[in-house]
Amino acid sequence: MRRFFVEDMEKDSRHIEIKGAEFSHLKNVLRLKQGDAVICLNGRGFEFIGHIESILKNSAKVKTDTVRENKTESPLSLTLLQGLVKGDKPEFIVQKATELGAKEIIFYTTERTVPKFSEEKAGKRLERLRKVSIESLKQSERGFLPEIGFMDFKNAIDSFRDKELKIIFYEDERKRHLRDVLKWHKEAKEAAVMVGPEGGFSGEEKDEAIRAGFIVAGLGPRRLRAETAAITVISILQYELGDAG
């Protein structure tokens, strides 16, 4: 069955209206018809299984037959703190982080961050990233839509200092690797992982994260691109502490 994101549904919703881009996809791309079975998602853990009652000019009406709880979420509550990167790399990171089960994806700026957004541009970019996450949510059959946001570096480390496990990945760290950190945190149920921007962290930023309780770790002898590091980190943590593999 095809899946559609309808944010304003509640658990007791019995009649659902699919509008906007989701309706356009239903009608013009998938060419679904009255009577076809569909699954509607609200991004908050529930799936509404039903059938199309009618297709109007600007919306489709769906009657709910069954409501069920989505149980694909990882037991690890994982926040990715990602240094803002150039081009379409944020879209790629959001897509893969959503697939891999991240609960939150926060992009932050540092003194070495290249992209700079005005408040207006940040709002438009956030809207685009959310659309990417919704598509990935449907593709991966997840139940919860990740939170996505923008912060500066200080707010990022301050906002997540209470997480059970906090790791900052520093490109020049050679003594302590992620595997070493995980040996001492095998029972962690929540984690915040901080991946640097393309220019890396300054020494002062690394020290500031340490003061906020972050553990410094490396990812091995090879220098990874920011987007590669993000996917690698999430995959390893989901394998070790979550439900991957």
Protein backbone atom coordinates (compact mmCIF):
# COMPACT_ATOMS: atom_id res chain seq x y z
CA MET A 1 0.00 0.00 0.00
CA ARG A 2 1.15 3.54 -0.77
CA ARG A 3 2.00 5.76 2.19
CA PHE A 4 1.01 9.42 2.63
CA PHE A 5 1.98 11.97 5.27
CA VAL A 6 -0.93 13.84 6.86
CA GLU A 7 0.32 15.75 9.87
CA ASP A 8 -2.95 16.89 11.45
CA MET A 9 -4.36 13.41 12.12
CA GLU A 10 -5.17 12.32 15.66
CA LYS A 11 -5.41 8.77 16.96
CA ASP A 12 -9.21 8.77 16.67
CA SER A 13 -9.32 10.23 13.12
CA ARG A 14 -11.72 8.23 11.00
CA HIS A 15 -11.96 10.50 7.96
CA ILE A 16 -8.73 11.90 6.51
CA GLU A 17 -8.12 14.52 3.86
CA ILE A 18 -4.96 14.26 1.73
CA LYS A 19 -4.02 17.66 0.29
CA GLY A 20 -1.14 19.61 -1.23
CA ALA A 21 1.94 17.83 -2.55
CA GLU A 22 0.79 14.49 -1.14
CA PHE A 23 -2.49 14.74 -3.06
CA SER A 24 -0.67 15.74 -6.25
CA HIS A 25 1.52 12.66 -5.92
CA LEU A 26 -1.52 10.45 -5.26
CA LYS A 27 -3.49 11.75 -8.23
CA ASN A 28 -0.94 12.70 -10.89
CA VAL A 29 1.98 10.34 -10.25
CA LEU A 30 0.49 7.22 -8.68
CA ARG A 31 -2.92 7.70 -10.35
CA LEU A 32 -4.76 6.06 -7.49
CA LYS A 33 -8.52 5.60 -7.75
CA GLN A 34 -11.55 5.49 -5.48
CA GLY A 35 -11.46 2.31 -3.41
CA ASP A 36 -7.67 1.94 -3.45
CA ALA A 37 -6.09 1.05 -0.10
CA VAL A 38 -3.61 3.52 1.41
CA ILE A 39 -1.68 4.12 4.62
CA CYS A 40 -1.62 7.61 6.14
CA LEU A 41 1.11 8.65 8.61
CA ASN A 42 1.06 11.49 11.11
CA GLY A 43 4.77 11.32 11.98
CA ARG A 44 3.92 10.76 15.64
CA GLY A 45 3.87 6.98 15.76
CA PHE A 46 0.53 5.96 14.26
CA GLU A 47 -0.49 4.54 10.89
CA PHE A 48 -4.02 4.93 9.55
CA ILE A 49 -4.90 2.14 7.13
CA GLY A 50 -7.90 2.88 4.96
CA HIS A 51 -9.28 3.32 1.48
CA ILE A 52 -9.95 6.28 -0.79
CA GLU A 53 -13.59 7.33 -0.54
CA SER A 54 -13.43 10.08 -3.15
CA ILE A 55 -11.00 12.13 -5.21
CA LEU A 56 -11.90 15.81 -5.54
CA LYS A 57 -10.23 18.65 -7.41
CA ASN A 58 -7.76 19.53 -4.65
CA SER A 59 -7.91 16.64 -2.18
CA ALA A 60 -8.66 12.99 -1.61
CA LYS A 61 -10.94 11.73 1.14
CA VAL A 62 -9.82 8.60 2.97
CA LYS A 63 -11.91 6.50 5.35
CA THR A 64 -9.89 4.86 8.12
CA ASP A 65 -10.40 1.11 8.53
CA THR A 66 -7.65 0.40 11.08
CA VAL A 67 -5.29 2.43 13.26
CA ARG A 68 -2.08 0.81 14.42
CA GLU A 69 1.03 1.85 16.28
CA ASN A 70 4.21 1.87 14.23
CA LYS A 71 6.87 -0.23 15.97
CA THR A 72 9.90 0.36 13.77
CA GLU A 73 11.56 2.98 16.00
CA SER A 74 14.98 2.29 17.45
CA PRO A 75 15.31 1.89 21.24
CA LEU A 76 18.19 4.37 20.99
CA SER A 77 17.15 8.03 21.09
CA LEU A 78 19.79 9.48 18.80
CA THR A 79 20.48 13.15 18.06
CA LEU A 80 22.79 14.08 15.19
CA LEU A 81 24.50 17.45 15.66
CA GLN A 82 25.89 18.18 12.22
CA GLY A 83 28.08 21.11 11.25
CA LEU A 84 26.39 22.97 8.40
CA VAL A 85 27.80 21.86 5.05
CA LYS A 86 27.62 23.24 1.51
CA GLY A 87 25.34 22.57 -1.44
CA ASP A 88 22.81 19.76 -1.26
CA LYS A 89 24.76 17.81 1.36
CA PRO A 90 22.31 18.73 4.16
CA GLU A 91 19.51 17.12 2.13
CA PHE A 92 21.59 13.97 1.72
CA ILE A 93 22.40 13.86 5.44
CA VAL A 94 18.75 14.34 6.43
CA GLN A 95 17.62 11.63 4.03
CA LYS A 96 20.07 9.05 5.35
CA ALA A 97 19.80 10.04 9.02
CA THR A 98 16.02 9.66 8.81
CA GLU A 99 16.37 6.23 7.20
CA LEU A 100 18.82 5.17 9.89
CA GLY A 101 16.54 6.18 12.74
CA ALA A 102 17.85 9.49 14.07
CA LYS A 103 15.35 11.18 16.37
CA GLU A 104 16.74 14.70 15.91
CA ILE A 105 18.93 16.30 13.24
CA ILE A 106 20.38 19.65 14.24
CA PHE A 107 22.62 21.67 11.91
CA TYR A 108 24.88 24.13 13.67
CA THR A 109 27.36 26.82 12.64
CA THR A 110 30.95 27.27 13.80
CA GLU A 111 33.74 29.73 13.08
CA ARG A 112 34.84 27.47 10.18
CA THR A 113 31.37 26.90 8.73
CA VAL A 114 31.27 28.04 5.10
CA PRO A 115 27.49 28.38 4.42
CA LYS A 116 25.80 31.38 6.01
CA PHE A 117 22.01 31.78 6.02
CA SER A 118 19.81 34.74 6.73
CA GLU A 119 16.75 34.01 8.88
CA GLU A 120 14.59 33.96 5.74
CA LYS A 121 16.88 31.56 3.88
CA ALA A 122 17.16 29.34 6.94
CA GLY A 123 13.37 29.06 7.09
CA LYS A 124 13.15 28.05 3.43
CA ARG A 125 15.99 25.57 3.82
CA LEU A 126 14.34 24.06 6.88
CA GLU A 127 11.12 23.59 4.92
CA ARG A 128 13.04 21.81 2.17
CA LEU A 129 14.86 19.56 4.65
CA ARG A 130 11.57 18.63 6.29
CA LYS A 131 10.15 17.56 2.92
CA VAL A 132 13.20 15.37 2.36
CA SER A 133 12.73 13.83 5.79
CA ILE A 134 9.04 13.13 5.13
CA GLU A 135 9.88 11.30 1.90
CA SER A 136 12.52 9.27 3.73
CA LEU A 137 10.05 8.57 6.57
CA LYS A 138 7.61 7.05 4.08
CA GLN A 139 10.29 5.11 2.20
CA SER A 140 11.82 3.61 5.34
CA GLU A 141 8.41 2.91 6.93
CA ARG A 142 9.29 4.77 10.11
CA GLY A 143 6.61 6.07 12.43
CA PHE A 144 8.18 9.22 13.86
CA LEU A 145 9.36 12.22 11.88
CA PRO A 146 12.71 13.52 13.18
CA GLU A 147 12.97 17.03 14.57
CA ILE A 148 15.15 19.23 12.33
CA GLY A 149 16.63 22.57 13.31
CA PHE A 150 19.44 25.14 13.05
CA MET A 151 21.57 26.42 15.95
CA ASP A 152 24.92 27.99 16.56
CA PHE A 153 27.66 25.87 18.10
CA LYS A 154 27.23 27.09 21.68
CA ASN A 155 23.47 26.52 21.70
CA ALA A 156 23.99 23.07 20.21
CA ILE A 157 26.29 21.86 22.97
CA ASP A 158 24.27 23.60 25.70
CA SER A 159 20.95 22.18 24.50
CA PHE A 160 22.13 18.59 24.66
CA ARG A 161 24.49 18.60 27.65
CA ASP A 162 22.02 16.46 29.63
CA LYS A 163 22.09 13.56 27.15
CA GLU A 164 23.25 10.26 28.63
CA LEU A 165 26.04 9.85 26.05
CA LYS A 166 27.61 12.80 24.21
CA ILE A 167 30.42 12.42 21.66
CA ILE A 168 32.25 14.97 19.54
CA PHE A 169 34.20 13.56 16.62
CA TYR A 170 37.49 15.39 16.19
CA GLU A 171 39.52 14.71 13.05
CA ASP A 172 42.88 14.87 14.86
CA GLU A 173 41.90 12.48 17.68
CA ARG A 174 44.10 9.38 17.35
CA LYS A 175 44.09 7.81 20.83
CA ARG A 176 40.38 7.31 21.54
CA HIS A 177 38.11 5.87 18.87
CA LEU A 178 34.36 5.35 18.88
CA ARG A 179 34.76 1.66 19.73
CA ASP A 180 36.64 2.63 22.88
CA VAL A 181 33.86 4.97 24.00
CA LEU A 182 31.16 2.38 23.38
CA LYS A 183 32.94 -0.20 25.53
CA TRP A 184 32.05 1.96 28.55
CA HIS A 185 28.53 2.92 27.45
CA LYS A 186 26.96 -0.37 26.38
CA GLU A 187 23.66 0.37 28.14
CA ALA A 188 23.13 3.91 26.84
CA LYS A 189 19.58 4.60 25.65
CA GLU A 190 20.13 8.14 24.39
CA ALA A 191 23.04 9.81 22.64
CA ALA A 192 24.02 13.09 20.99
CA VAL A 193 26.79 12.83 18.40
CA MET A 194 28.53 15.93 17.06
CA VAL A 195 30.08 15.82 13.58
CA GLY A 196 32.08 18.80 12.39
CA PRO A 197 31.64 20.98 9.31
CA GLU A 198 33.85 20.67 6.24
CA GLY A 199 36.52 22.85 7.85
CA GLY A 200 36.55 20.83 11.06
CA PHE A 201 36.53 22.12 14.65
CA SER A 202 38.88 24.63 16.14
CA GLY A 203 40.76 23.59 19.27
CA GLU A 204 38.73 26.08 21.29
CA GLU A 205 35.44 24.58 20.07
CA LYS A 206 36.64 21.09 20.97
CA ASP A 207 37.57 22.27 24.47
CA GLU A 208 34.19 24.00 24.88
CA ALA A 209 32.41 20.74 24.00
CA ILE A 210 34.53 18.86 26.52
CA ARG A 211 33.53 21.32 29.23
CA ALA A 212 29.89 20.60 28.33
CA GLY A 213 30.46 16.88 28.93
CA PHE A 214 31.16 15.67 25.40
CA ILE A 215 33.65 12.84 24.94
CA VAL A 216 36.20 13.37 22.17
CA ALA A 217 36.59 10.43 19.77
CA GLY A 218 37.99 9.63 16.34
CA LEU A 219 36.70 7.43 13.54
CA GLY A 220 39.95 5.82 12.48
CA PRO A 221 43.03 6.75 10.47
CA ARG A 222 41.24 7.97 7.33
CA ARG A 223 39.84 11.48 7.08
CA LEU A 224 36.15 11.28 6.19
CA ARG A 225 33.92 13.84 4.52
CA ALA A 226 31.38 15.39 6.88
CA GLU A 227 28.44 13.57 5.29
CA THR A 228 30.32 10.25 5.31
CA ALA A 229 31.19 10.69 8.98
CA ALA A 230 27.56 11.40 9.89
CA ILE A 231 26.27 8.24 8.22
CA THR A 232 29.11 6.16 9.66
CA VAL A 233 28.48 7.37 13.21
CA ILE A 234 24.73 6.78 13.11
CA SER A 235 25.16 3.32 11.58
CA ILE A 236 27.66 2.23 14.22
CA LEU A 237 25.58 3.50 17.12
CA GLN A 238 22.40 1.90 15.80
CA TYR A 239 24.29 -1.39 15.48
CA GLU A 240 25.87 -1.21 18.93
CA LEU A 241 23.10 0.45 20.95
CA GLY A 242 20.03 0.39 18.74
CA ASP A 243 18.34 -2.21 16.53
CA ALA A 244 20.39 -2.29 13.31
CA GLY A 245 21.95 -5.51 12.08
